[in-house]
Amino acid sequence: MWQQNKAVEAKAALEKAIGLGPEVAELYNNLGLILWGVGDRAAAEKQFRAALRIQPGIAEWRLNLGRALASQGQLAEARFQMEQSLHLKPDYAEARVDYARVLTDLNRPADAEKQAKLAVEADPRSAAGREILGTLLYGKGDLLGAKRELSEAVQLEPQNWRAQVELGTVLARQGDRAGALQHLTAAAQGPDPDARAAAEQALRTLTGK
């Protein structure tokens, strides 16, 4: 039902399943994912917690809870949950990427960079890992390193619109106007509203229009 975009029916089916099997932890996690998918972060958090109360040792579920907490600004507990996820599964690149984002929001760029590097080491094809690593390298003035990582991110995942914006920004700083225009224009035409707004602002700065 969820895969057929029938969120209401999927939610109702899982709630009925939980009524029949209240100790089946996976049902709560799945319900949390559906609630997350429809944008109800607080309700998703509640379900992820319920899943972990029954079965606390699942790294993926710890990450789900950490994401729900981070999306609501609860960064300290989000950090704790992501650390628990990585304790359970140290090579979990996806968790390291999200942990790096939380550390960035906590204004700990050096720690965030370390986690981003570990994410890329765990999964060299992680576009998200290379995107955040490139962004962090740019933030500390390493333009060559930022260009390398962001170029790789875009090559791995052309629809990573944040990477397109960041790469365009780096190229503009390096004086590559044509390259910057290419990537910023792509992001400005993409579906991500935040990336689109950032790209449009960068294009105005670059072109003076």
N, C-alpha and C. Protein backbone atom coordinates (compact mmCIF):
# COMPACT_ATOMS: atom_id res chain seq x y z
N MET A 1 0.83 -1.21 0.00
CA MET A 1 0.00 0.00 0.00
C MET A 1 0.86 1.26 0.00
N TRP A 2 1.90 1.24 0.81
CA TRP A 2 2.80 2.40 0.86
C TRP A 2 3.47 2.61 -0.49
N GLN A 3 3.92 1.54 -1.10
CA GLN A 3 4.58 1.65 -2.40
C GLN A 3 3.61 2.11 -3.49
N GLN A 4 2.32 1.95 -3.25
CA GLN A 4 1.31 2.43 -4.20
C GLN A 4 0.78 3.81 -3.82
N ASN A 5 1.52 4.50 -2.92
CA ASN A 5 1.15 5.85 -2.47
C ASN A 5 -0.20 5.87 -1.74
N LYS A 6 -0.49 4.78 -1.04
CA LYS A 6 -1.72 4.71 -0.24
C LYS A 6 -1.34 4.78 1.24
N ALA A 7 -0.90 5.97 1.66
CA ALA A 7 -0.37 6.14 3.02
C ALA A 7 -1.44 5.90 4.08
N VAL A 8 -2.64 6.39 3.85
CA VAL A 8 -3.71 6.23 4.85
C VAL A 8 -4.02 4.76 5.06
N GLU A 9 -4.15 4.01 3.97
CA GLU A 9 -4.45 2.59 4.07
C GLU A 9 -3.29 1.83 4.71
N ALA A 10 -2.06 2.20 4.36
CA ALA A 10 -0.88 1.54 4.94
C ALA A 10 -0.82 1.77 6.43
N LYS A 11 -1.07 3.01 6.84
CA LYS A 11 -1.06 3.33 8.27
C LYS A 11 -2.14 2.54 9.02
N ALA A 12 -3.33 2.47 8.45
CA ALA A 12 -4.41 1.73 9.10
C ALA A 12 -4.09 0.25 9.22
N ALA A 13 -3.49 -0.32 8.18
CA ALA A 13 -3.13 -1.73 8.20
C ALA A 13 -2.09 -2.03 9.28
N LEU A 14 -1.10 -1.16 9.40
CA LEU A 14 -0.07 -1.37 10.42
C LEU A 14 -0.63 -1.18 11.83
N GLU A 15 -1.51 -0.21 12.00
CA GLU A 15 -2.12 -0.02 13.32
C GLU A 15 -2.95 -1.25 13.72
N LYS A 16 -3.63 -1.84 12.74
CA LYS A 16 -4.39 -3.07 13.03
C LYS A 16 -3.43 -4.21 13.38
N ALA A 17 -2.32 -4.30 12.65
CA ALA A 17 -1.33 -5.34 12.92
C ALA A 17 -0.75 -5.20 14.31
N ILE A 18 -0.50 -3.95 14.73
CA ILE A 18 0.04 -3.71 16.07
C ILE A 18 -0.97 -4.15 17.13
N GLY A 19 -2.26 -3.91 16.84
CA GLY A 19 -3.29 -4.36 17.77
C GLY A 19 -3.30 -5.87 17.92
N LEU A 20 -2.98 -6.58 16.83
CA LEU A 20 -2.95 -8.04 16.86
C LEU A 20 -1.64 -8.58 17.44
N GLY A 21 -0.55 -7.83 17.24
CA GLY A 21 0.76 -8.29 17.70
C GLY A 21 1.54 -7.16 18.33
N PRO A 22 1.13 -6.71 19.52
CA PRO A 22 1.74 -5.52 20.13
C PRO A 22 3.20 -5.68 20.53
N GLU A 23 3.74 -6.87 20.49
CA GLU A 23 5.15 -7.06 20.85
C GLU A 23 6.03 -7.28 19.63
N VAL A 24 5.51 -7.07 18.44
CA VAL A 24 6.31 -7.21 17.22
C VAL A 24 6.95 -5.86 16.91
N ALA A 25 8.22 -5.72 17.25
CA ALA A 25 8.89 -4.43 17.19
C ALA A 25 8.92 -3.84 15.78
N GLU A 26 9.09 -4.68 14.78
CA GLU A 26 9.22 -4.19 13.41
C GLU A 26 7.99 -3.42 12.95
N LEU A 27 6.83 -3.79 13.49
CA LEU A 27 5.60 -3.09 13.09
C LEU A 27 5.66 -1.62 13.49
N TYR A 28 6.18 -1.34 14.67
CA TYR A 28 6.28 0.05 15.12
C TYR A 28 7.26 0.84 14.26
N ASN A 29 8.38 0.20 13.94
CA ASN A 29 9.37 0.88 13.09
C ASN A 29 8.78 1.19 11.71
N ASN A 30 8.05 0.21 11.15
CA ASN A 30 7.45 0.42 9.84
C ASN A 30 6.39 1.53 9.88
N LEU A 31 5.61 1.55 10.95
CA LEU A 31 4.62 2.62 11.10
C LEU A 31 5.32 3.97 11.23
N GLY A 32 6.44 3.98 11.96
CA GLY A 32 7.22 5.21 12.07
C GLY A 32 7.71 5.70 10.72
N LEU A 33 8.13 4.79 9.87
CA LEU A 33 8.61 5.17 8.55
C LEU A 33 7.50 5.78 7.70
N ILE A 34 6.29 5.23 7.83
CA ILE A 34 5.17 5.78 7.08
C ILE A 34 4.83 7.18 7.60
N LEU A 35 4.81 7.34 8.91
CA LEU A 35 4.52 8.66 9.49
C LEU A 35 5.60 9.66 9.10
N TRP A 36 6.85 9.21 9.09
CA TRP A 36 7.96 10.07 8.64
C TRP A 36 7.73 10.48 7.18
N GLY A 37 7.31 9.54 6.38
CA GLY A 37 7.11 9.80 4.96
C GLY A 37 6.02 10.82 4.68
N VAL A 38 5.03 10.90 5.58
CA VAL A 38 3.96 11.89 5.38
C VAL A 38 4.23 13.18 6.16
N GLY A 39 5.40 13.26 6.79
CA GLY A 39 5.81 14.51 7.42
C GLY A 39 5.45 14.66 8.88
N ASP A 40 4.92 13.61 9.53
CA ASP A 40 4.56 13.70 10.95
C ASP A 40 5.74 13.23 11.79
N ARG A 41 6.70 14.14 12.00
CA ARG A 41 7.94 13.77 12.68
C ARG A 41 7.73 13.34 14.13
N ALA A 42 6.88 14.05 14.86
CA ALA A 42 6.67 13.72 16.27
C ALA A 42 6.03 12.35 16.43
N ALA A 43 5.04 12.05 15.59
CA ALA A 43 4.40 10.73 15.67
C ALA A 43 5.37 9.62 15.25
N ALA A 44 6.22 9.91 14.26
CA ALA A 44 7.23 8.94 13.84
C ALA A 44 8.20 8.65 14.98
N GLU A 45 8.63 9.71 15.67
CA GLU A 45 9.53 9.53 16.82
C GLU A 45 8.92 8.59 17.85
N LYS A 46 7.65 8.76 18.14
CA LYS A 46 6.97 7.92 19.13
C LYS A 46 7.01 6.46 18.72
N GLN A 47 6.80 6.18 17.45
CA GLN A 47 6.80 4.79 16.98
C GLN A 47 8.20 4.19 16.97
N PHE A 48 9.20 4.99 16.59
CA PHE A 48 10.57 4.49 16.62
C PHE A 48 10.99 4.15 18.05
N ARG A 49 10.57 4.98 19.00
CA ARG A 49 10.87 4.68 20.41
C ARG A 49 10.19 3.38 20.84
N ALA A 50 8.97 3.18 20.40
CA ALA A 50 8.24 1.96 20.77
C ALA A 50 8.97 0.73 20.23
N ALA A 51 9.45 0.81 19.00
CA ALA A 51 10.20 -0.31 18.41
C ALA A 51 11.46 -0.61 19.22
N LEU A 52 12.17 0.44 19.60
CA LEU A 52 13.43 0.25 20.32
C LEU A 52 13.23 -0.21 21.76
N ARG A 53 12.09 0.11 22.35
CA ARG A 53 11.82 -0.40 23.70
C ARG A 53 11.73 -1.93 23.68
N ILE A 54 11.21 -2.46 22.58
CA ILE A 54 11.07 -3.92 22.47
C ILE A 54 12.37 -4.56 22.00
N GLN A 55 13.03 -3.91 21.06
CA GLN A 55 14.24 -4.49 20.45
C GLN A 55 15.27 -3.38 20.28
N PRO A 56 16.07 -3.10 21.30
CA PRO A 56 16.94 -1.91 21.29
C PRO A 56 18.21 -2.02 20.45
N GLY A 57 18.54 -3.20 19.98
CA GLY A 57 19.85 -3.39 19.35
C GLY A 57 19.88 -3.31 17.84
N ILE A 58 18.98 -2.57 17.22
CA ILE A 58 18.94 -2.47 15.76
C ILE A 58 19.49 -1.12 15.33
N ALA A 59 20.64 -1.13 14.66
CA ALA A 59 21.31 0.12 14.29
C ALA A 59 20.44 1.00 13.41
N GLU A 60 19.75 0.39 12.46
CA GLU A 60 18.92 1.16 11.53
C GLU A 60 17.79 1.89 12.25
N TRP A 61 17.24 1.26 13.26
CA TRP A 61 16.14 1.88 14.00
C TRP A 61 16.66 3.02 14.87
N ARG A 62 17.86 2.86 15.41
CA ARG A 62 18.47 3.96 16.17
C ARG A 62 18.68 5.18 15.27
N LEU A 63 19.10 4.91 14.04
CA LEU A 63 19.29 6.02 13.10
C LEU A 63 17.94 6.67 12.78
N ASN A 64 16.91 5.87 12.59
CA ASN A 64 15.58 6.43 12.32
C ASN A 64 15.15 7.37 13.43
N LEU A 65 15.34 6.95 14.68
CA LEU A 65 14.98 7.80 15.81
C LEU A 65 15.85 9.05 15.84
N GLY A 66 17.15 8.88 15.59
CA GLY A 66 18.04 10.03 15.56
C GLY A 66 17.63 11.06 14.53
N ARG A 67 17.23 10.59 13.36
CA ARG A 67 16.77 11.50 12.31
C ARG A 67 15.51 12.24 12.72
N ALA A 68 14.58 11.50 13.33
CA ALA A 68 13.34 12.14 13.77
C ALA A 68 13.62 13.22 14.81
N LEU A 69 14.53 12.93 15.72
CA LEU A 69 14.90 13.90 16.75
C LEU A 69 15.60 15.12 16.13
N ALA A 70 16.53 14.86 15.23
CA ALA A 70 17.26 15.97 14.59
C ALA A 70 16.31 16.87 13.81
N SER A 71 15.32 16.28 13.17
CA SER A 71 14.37 17.08 12.37
C SER A 71 13.53 18.00 13.24
N GLN A 72 13.46 17.69 14.55
CA GLN A 72 12.71 18.51 15.49
C GLN A 72 13.61 19.40 16.35
N GLY A 73 14.90 19.43 16.00
CA GLY A 73 15.83 20.28 16.72
C GLY A 73 16.36 19.71 18.02
N GLN A 74 16.08 18.43 18.29
CA GLN A 74 16.57 17.80 19.51
C GLN A 74 17.95 17.18 19.24
N LEU A 75 18.93 18.05 19.09
CA LEU A 75 20.22 17.62 18.56
C LEU A 75 21.02 16.78 19.55
N ALA A 76 20.93 17.09 20.83
CA ALA A 76 21.73 16.34 21.81
C ALA A 76 21.32 14.87 21.84
N GLU A 77 20.01 14.61 21.88
CA GLU A 77 19.57 13.21 21.90
C GLU A 77 19.75 12.56 20.53
N ALA A 78 19.58 13.36 19.48
CA ALA A 78 19.83 12.82 18.13
C ALA A 78 21.26 12.32 18.03
N ARG A 79 22.19 13.11 18.56
CA ARG A 79 23.60 12.71 18.55
C ARG A 79 23.79 11.40 19.31
N PHE A 80 23.16 11.30 20.47
CA PHE A 80 23.28 10.07 21.28
C PHE A 80 22.77 8.86 20.50
N GLN A 81 21.61 8.99 19.86
CA GLN A 81 21.04 7.86 19.13
C GLN A 81 21.92 7.45 17.95
N MET A 82 22.51 8.42 17.28
CA MET A 82 23.38 8.09 16.16
C MET A 82 24.68 7.44 16.63
N GLU A 83 25.17 7.87 17.79
CA GLU A 83 26.35 7.22 18.36
C GLU A 83 26.03 5.77 18.72
N GLN A 84 24.82 5.55 19.24
CA GLN A 84 24.41 4.17 19.55
C GLN A 84 24.30 3.33 18.28
N SER A 85 23.76 3.94 17.22
CA SER A 85 23.66 3.23 15.95
C SER A 85 25.04 2.80 15.45
N LEU A 86 26.00 3.71 15.56
CA LEU A 86 27.36 3.41 15.08
C LEU A 86 28.09 2.44 16.01
N HIS A 87 27.74 2.45 17.28
CA HIS A 87 28.32 1.46 18.19
C HIS A 87 27.86 0.06 17.78
N LEU A 88 26.60 -0.04 17.35
CA LEU A 88 26.06 -1.33 16.92
C LEU A 88 26.58 -1.75 15.55
N LYS A 89 26.87 -0.74 14.69
CA LYS A 89 27.26 -1.04 13.31
C LYS A 89 28.29 0.01 12.86
N PRO A 90 29.56 -0.18 13.20
CA PRO A 90 30.58 0.85 12.95
C PRO A 90 30.77 1.22 11.48
N ASP A 91 30.49 0.31 10.57
CA ASP A 91 30.70 0.59 9.15
C ASP A 91 29.44 1.12 8.46
N TYR A 92 28.51 1.64 9.24
CA TYR A 92 27.22 2.12 8.74
C TYR A 92 27.40 3.54 8.17
N ALA A 93 27.71 3.60 6.87
CA ALA A 93 28.04 4.88 6.24
C ALA A 93 26.89 5.87 6.34
N GLU A 94 25.68 5.39 6.16
CA GLU A 94 24.51 6.27 6.18
C GLU A 94 24.37 6.96 7.54
N ALA A 95 24.62 6.21 8.61
CA ALA A 95 24.54 6.80 9.94
C ALA A 95 25.65 7.82 10.16
N ARG A 96 26.83 7.55 9.62
CA ARG A 96 27.93 8.51 9.78
C ARG A 96 27.63 9.82 9.06
N VAL A 97 26.96 9.74 7.91
CA VAL A 97 26.58 10.96 7.18
C VAL A 97 25.63 11.79 8.03
N ASP A 98 24.60 11.15 8.58
CA ASP A 98 23.64 11.90 9.39
C ASP A 98 24.28 12.41 10.68
N TYR A 99 25.18 11.62 11.24
CA TYR A 99 25.91 12.05 12.45
C TYR A 99 26.75 13.28 12.11
N ALA A 100 27.38 13.29 10.96
CA ALA A 100 28.17 14.46 10.54
C ALA A 100 27.28 15.69 10.41
N ARG A 101 26.07 15.52 9.91
CA ARG A 101 25.15 16.66 9.78
C ARG A 101 24.76 17.21 11.15
N VAL A 102 24.48 16.30 12.10
CA VAL A 102 24.13 16.74 13.45
C VAL A 102 25.30 17.46 14.10
N LEU A 103 26.51 16.93 13.94
CA LEU A 103 27.69 17.58 14.51
C LEU A 103 27.92 18.96 13.88
N THR A 104 27.62 19.08 12.59
CA THR A 104 27.71 20.39 11.93
C THR A 104 26.73 21.36 12.57
N ASP A 105 25.51 20.90 12.79
CA ASP A 105 24.49 21.75 13.42
C ASP A 105 24.87 22.11 14.86
N LEU A 106 25.66 21.25 15.50
CA LEU A 106 26.13 21.53 16.86
C LEU A 106 27.41 22.37 16.86
N ASN A 107 27.79 22.85 15.67
CA ASN A 107 28.99 23.69 15.51
C ASN A 107 30.26 22.96 15.93
N ARG A 108 30.38 21.72 15.48
CA ARG A 108 31.58 20.92 15.72
C ARG A 108 32.11 20.44 14.37
N PRO A 109 32.62 21.38 13.55
CA PRO A 109 33.01 21.03 12.18
C PRO A 109 34.14 20.02 12.09
N ALA A 110 35.10 20.07 13.00
CA ALA A 110 36.21 19.10 12.93
C ALA A 110 35.70 17.68 13.17
N ASP A 111 34.82 17.52 14.16
CA ASP A 111 34.25 16.19 14.42
C ASP A 111 33.36 15.75 13.26
N ALA A 112 32.63 16.71 12.70
CA ALA A 112 31.77 16.39 11.55
C ALA A 112 32.60 15.93 10.36
N GLU A 113 33.71 16.60 10.13
CA GLU A 113 34.59 16.21 9.02
C GLU A 113 35.14 14.80 9.22
N LYS A 114 35.49 14.48 10.45
CA LYS A 114 35.99 13.13 10.75
C LYS A 114 34.94 12.09 10.41
N GLN A 115 33.69 12.34 10.79
CA GLN A 115 32.62 11.39 10.51
C GLN A 115 32.34 11.28 9.02
N ALA A 116 32.41 12.41 8.32
CA ALA A 116 32.19 12.39 6.87
C ALA A 116 33.27 11.57 6.17
N LYS A 117 34.51 11.72 6.62
CA LYS A 117 35.60 10.93 6.03
C LYS A 117 35.39 9.45 6.30
N LEU A 118 34.96 9.11 7.51
CA LEU A 118 34.70 7.71 7.84
C LEU A 118 33.54 7.15 7.01
N ALA A 119 32.55 8.00 6.73
CA ALA A 119 31.44 7.56 5.88
C ALA A 119 31.93 7.21 4.49
N VAL A 120 32.80 8.05 3.94
CA VAL A 120 33.33 7.81 2.60
C VAL A 120 34.25 6.59 2.58
N GLU A 121 35.00 6.41 3.65
CA GLU A 121 35.84 5.21 3.74
C GLU A 121 34.98 3.95 3.80
N ALA A 122 33.87 4.01 4.53
CA ALA A 122 32.99 2.85 4.63
C ALA A 122 32.27 2.56 3.32
N ASP A 123 31.93 3.64 2.59
CA ASP A 123 31.23 3.48 1.32
C ASP A 123 31.71 4.57 0.35
N PRO A 124 32.74 4.27 -0.44
CA PRO A 124 33.28 5.28 -1.37
C PRO A 124 32.26 5.78 -2.39
N ARG A 125 31.16 5.07 -2.57
CA ARG A 125 30.13 5.49 -3.50
C ARG A 125 28.98 6.24 -2.82
N SER A 126 29.22 6.68 -1.60
CA SER A 126 28.21 7.45 -0.88
C SER A 126 28.24 8.90 -1.36
N ALA A 127 27.29 9.26 -2.22
CA ALA A 127 27.23 10.64 -2.71
C ALA A 127 26.95 11.60 -1.57
N ALA A 128 26.09 11.19 -0.64
CA ALA A 128 25.77 12.06 0.50
C ALA A 128 27.00 12.28 1.37
N GLY A 129 27.81 11.22 1.55
CA GLY A 129 29.03 11.36 2.34
C GLY A 129 30.02 12.32 1.69
N ARG A 130 30.19 12.19 0.39
CA ARG A 130 31.12 13.07 -0.32
C ARG A 130 30.57 14.51 -0.37
N GLU A 131 29.25 14.63 -0.44
CA GLU A 131 28.66 15.97 -0.46
C GLU A 131 28.93 16.72 0.83
N ILE A 132 28.67 16.06 1.98
CA ILE A 132 28.89 16.77 3.24
C ILE A 132 30.38 16.97 3.51
N LEU A 133 31.21 16.01 3.10
CA LEU A 133 32.66 16.19 3.27
C LEU A 133 33.14 17.37 2.44
N GLY A 134 32.69 17.45 1.20
CA GLY A 134 33.07 18.58 0.36
C GLY A 134 32.62 19.90 0.93
N THR A 135 31.41 19.94 1.47
CA THR A 135 30.89 21.17 2.08
C THR A 135 31.73 21.59 3.28
N LEU A 136 32.11 20.62 4.09
CA LEU A 136 32.94 20.92 5.27
C LEU A 136 34.34 21.39 4.87
N LEU A 137 34.89 20.76 3.84
CA LEU A 137 36.21 21.19 3.36
C LEU A 137 36.15 22.61 2.81
N TYR A 138 35.07 22.92 2.11
CA TYR A 138 34.89 24.29 1.61
C TYR A 138 34.80 25.28 2.77
N GLY A 139 34.11 24.86 3.82
CA GLY A 139 33.95 25.74 4.98
C GLY A 139 35.25 26.10 5.65
N LYS A 140 36.25 25.24 5.53
CA LYS A 140 37.54 25.58 6.15
C LYS A 140 38.55 26.09 5.12
N GLY A 141 38.08 26.35 3.90
CA GLY A 141 38.93 26.98 2.89
C GLY A 141 39.70 26.05 2.00
N ASP A 142 39.44 24.75 2.07
CA ASP A 142 40.13 23.78 1.22
C ASP A 142 39.35 23.64 -0.08
N LEU A 143 39.59 24.55 -1.02
CA LEU A 143 38.81 24.56 -2.26
C LEU A 143 39.11 23.35 -3.14
N LEU A 144 40.36 22.94 -3.19
CA LEU A 144 40.71 21.79 -4.02
C LEU A 144 40.06 20.51 -3.50
N GLY A 145 40.12 20.32 -2.18
CA GLY A 145 39.49 19.15 -1.59
C GLY A 145 37.98 19.18 -1.76
N ALA A 146 37.40 20.37 -1.58
CA ALA A 146 35.96 20.51 -1.73
C ALA A 146 35.54 20.19 -3.16
N LYS A 147 36.28 20.71 -4.13
CA LYS A 147 35.95 20.45 -5.53
C LYS A 147 36.04 18.96 -5.83
N ARG A 148 37.07 18.30 -5.32
CA ARG A 148 37.25 16.86 -5.57
C ARG A 148 36.04 16.07 -5.04
N GLU A 149 35.67 16.32 -3.78
CA GLU A 149 34.59 15.54 -3.18
C GLU A 149 33.23 15.88 -3.79
N LEU A 150 32.98 17.15 -4.05
CA LEU A 150 31.68 17.54 -4.60
C LEU A 150 31.53 17.09 -6.05
N SER A 151 32.62 17.12 -6.80
CA SER A 151 32.57 16.61 -8.17
C SER A 151 32.23 15.12 -8.18
N GLU A 152 32.84 14.40 -7.25
CA GLU A 152 32.56 12.97 -7.14
C GLU A 152 31.11 12.73 -6.73
N ALA A 153 30.60 13.55 -5.81
CA ALA A 153 29.21 13.42 -5.36
C ALA A 153 28.24 13.62 -6.53
N VAL A 154 28.50 14.64 -7.34
CA VAL A 154 27.63 14.93 -8.48
C VAL A 154 27.72 13.83 -9.53
N GLN A 155 28.92 13.30 -9.71
CA GLN A 155 29.08 12.21 -10.68
C GLN A 155 28.33 10.96 -10.22
N LEU A 156 28.39 10.68 -8.92
CA LEU A 156 27.70 9.51 -8.38
C LEU A 156 26.19 9.69 -8.38
N GLU A 157 25.75 10.93 -8.14
CA GLU A 157 24.31 11.19 -7.99
C GLU A 157 24.00 12.58 -8.55
N PRO A 158 23.77 12.68 -9.86
CA PRO A 158 23.52 13.99 -10.48
C PRO A 158 22.34 14.74 -9.87
N GLN A 159 21.41 14.03 -9.27
CA GLN A 159 20.26 14.69 -8.67
C GLN A 159 20.47 15.04 -7.20
N ASN A 160 21.71 15.02 -6.75
CA ASN A 160 22.04 15.54 -5.42
C ASN A 160 22.15 17.06 -5.58
N TRP A 161 21.03 17.74 -5.40
CA TRP A 161 20.97 19.17 -5.73
C TRP A 161 21.80 20.01 -4.80
N ARG A 162 21.95 19.58 -3.55
CA ARG A 162 22.80 20.34 -2.63
C ARG A 162 24.26 20.29 -3.09
N ALA A 163 24.68 19.11 -3.57
CA ALA A 163 26.04 18.99 -4.07
C ALA A 163 26.23 19.86 -5.32
N GLN A 164 25.22 19.94 -6.16
CA GLN A 164 25.29 20.79 -7.35
C GLN A 164 25.50 22.25 -6.95
N VAL A 165 24.75 22.70 -5.95
CA VAL A 165 24.89 24.09 -5.48
C VAL A 165 26.28 24.33 -4.90
N GLU A 166 26.71 23.42 -4.03
CA GLU A 166 28.02 23.60 -3.38
C GLU A 166 29.15 23.56 -4.41
N LEU A 167 29.05 22.65 -5.38
CA LEU A 167 30.09 22.57 -6.41
C LEU A 167 30.10 23.85 -7.24
N GLY A 168 28.92 24.34 -7.60
CA GLY A 168 28.86 25.60 -8.33
C GLY A 168 29.49 26.74 -7.55
N THR A 169 29.26 26.77 -6.26
CA THR A 169 29.83 27.82 -5.41
C THR A 169 31.35 27.73 -5.36
N VAL A 170 31.85 26.51 -5.23
CA VAL A 170 33.31 26.31 -5.20
C VAL A 170 33.94 26.74 -6.53
N LEU A 171 33.33 26.34 -7.64
CA LEU A 171 33.87 26.69 -8.95
C LEU A 171 33.86 28.21 -9.16
N ALA A 172 32.82 28.86 -8.67
CA ALA A 172 32.77 30.32 -8.78
C ALA A 172 33.92 30.96 -8.00
N ARG A 173 34.20 30.42 -6.82
CA ARG A 173 35.32 30.93 -6.01
C ARG A 173 36.66 30.72 -6.71
N GLN A 174 36.75 29.66 -7.50
CA GLN A 174 37.98 29.37 -8.22
C GLN A 174 38.09 30.11 -9.55
N GLY A 175 37.05 30.86 -9.90
CA GLY A 175 37.07 31.62 -11.15
C GLY A 175 36.56 30.87 -12.36
N ASP A 176 36.01 29.67 -12.15
CA ASP A 176 35.46 28.89 -13.27
C ASP A 176 33.99 29.27 -13.44
N ARG A 177 33.74 30.36 -14.13
CA ARG A 177 32.39 30.89 -14.25
C ARG A 177 31.48 29.93 -15.04
N ALA A 178 32.00 29.39 -16.12
CA ALA A 178 31.20 28.49 -16.95
C ALA A 178 30.79 27.24 -16.17
N GLY A 179 31.75 26.66 -15.44
CA GLY A 179 31.44 25.48 -14.64
C GLY A 179 30.44 25.79 -13.54
N ALA A 180 30.62 26.95 -12.91
CA ALA A 180 29.70 27.36 -11.85
C ALA A 180 28.29 27.52 -12.39
N LEU A 181 28.16 28.17 -13.54
CA LEU A 181 26.85 28.37 -14.14
C LEU A 181 26.16 27.05 -14.45
N GLN A 182 26.94 26.09 -14.94
CA GLN A 182 26.37 24.78 -15.29
C GLN A 182 25.71 24.12 -14.09
N HIS A 183 26.43 24.07 -12.97
CA HIS A 183 25.93 23.36 -11.80
C HIS A 183 24.86 24.15 -11.07
N LEU A 184 25.01 25.45 -10.99
CA LEU A 184 23.99 26.26 -10.31
C LEU A 184 22.69 26.28 -11.10
N THR A 185 22.80 26.31 -12.42
CA THR A 185 21.59 26.29 -13.25
C THR A 185 20.85 24.97 -13.09
N ALA A 186 21.61 23.88 -13.04
CA ALA A 186 20.98 22.56 -12.84
C ALA A 186 20.20 22.53 -11.53
N ALA A 187 20.81 23.04 -10.45
CA ALA A 187 20.14 23.04 -9.15
C ALA A 187 18.93 23.97 -9.15
N ALA A 188 19.07 25.11 -9.85
CA ALA A 188 17.96 26.08 -9.91
C ALA A 188 16.75 25.52 -10.64
N GLN A 189 16.98 24.52 -11.48
CA GLN A 189 15.89 23.90 -12.22
C GLN A 189 15.41 22.59 -11.59
N GLY A 190 16.03 22.21 -10.47
CA GLY A 190 15.68 20.95 -9.82
C GLY A 190 14.48 21.09 -8.90
N PRO A 191 14.02 19.97 -8.34
CA PRO A 191 12.80 19.95 -7.52
C PRO A 191 13.00 20.30 -6.04
N ASP A 192 14.26 20.35 -5.58
CA ASP A 192 14.53 20.62 -4.16
C ASP A 192 14.38 22.12 -3.90
N PRO A 193 13.37 22.55 -3.13
CA PRO A 193 13.13 23.98 -2.97
C PRO A 193 14.26 24.73 -2.28
N ASP A 194 14.90 24.10 -1.29
CA ASP A 194 16.00 24.77 -0.59
C ASP A 194 17.20 24.94 -1.51
N ALA A 195 17.54 23.86 -2.23
CA ALA A 195 18.67 23.94 -3.16
C ALA A 195 18.37 24.92 -4.29
N ARG A 196 17.13 24.92 -4.74
CA ARG A 196 16.74 25.83 -5.82
C ARG A 196 16.90 27.29 -5.39
N ALA A 197 16.45 27.61 -4.17
CA ALA A 197 16.57 28.98 -3.67
C ALA A 197 18.04 29.38 -3.52
N ALA A 198 18.85 28.47 -2.99
CA ALA A 198 20.28 28.77 -2.82
C ALA A 198 20.96 28.96 -4.17
N ALA A 199 20.59 28.13 -5.15
CA ALA A 199 21.19 28.23 -6.48
C ALA A 199 20.79 29.53 -7.16
N GLU A 200 19.53 29.91 -7.01
CA GLU A 200 19.06 31.16 -7.63
C GLU A 200 19.79 32.36 -7.04
N GLN A 201 19.99 32.34 -5.71
CA GLN A 201 20.73 33.44 -5.07
C GLN A 201 22.17 33.48 -5.56
N ALA A 202 22.81 32.31 -5.66
CA ALA A 202 24.19 32.25 -6.14
C ALA A 202 24.30 32.71 -7.59
N LEU A 203 23.29 32.38 -8.39
CA LEU A 203 23.30 32.82 -9.81
C LEU A 203 23.16 34.33 -9.90
N ARG A 204 22.31 34.90 -9.06
CA ARG A 204 22.17 36.37 -9.06
C ARG A 204 23.49 37.04 -8.70
N THR A 205 24.18 36.47 -7.72
CA THR A 205 25.48 37.02 -7.32
C THR A 205 26.50 36.88 -8.45
N LEU A 206 26.46 35.73 -9.11
CA LEU A 206 27.44 35.45 -10.17
C LEU A 206 27.22 36.28 -11.42
N THR A 207 25.95 36.47 -11.78
CA THR A 207 25.63 37.14 -13.04
C THR A 207 25.27 38.62 -12.86
N GLY A 208 25.01 38.99 -11.62
CA GLY A 208 24.60 40.39 -11.40
C GLY A 208 23.18 40.67 -11.84
N LYS A 209 22.37 39.61 -11.99
CA LYS A 209 20.98 39.79 -12.43
C LYS A 209 20.00 39.39 -11.33
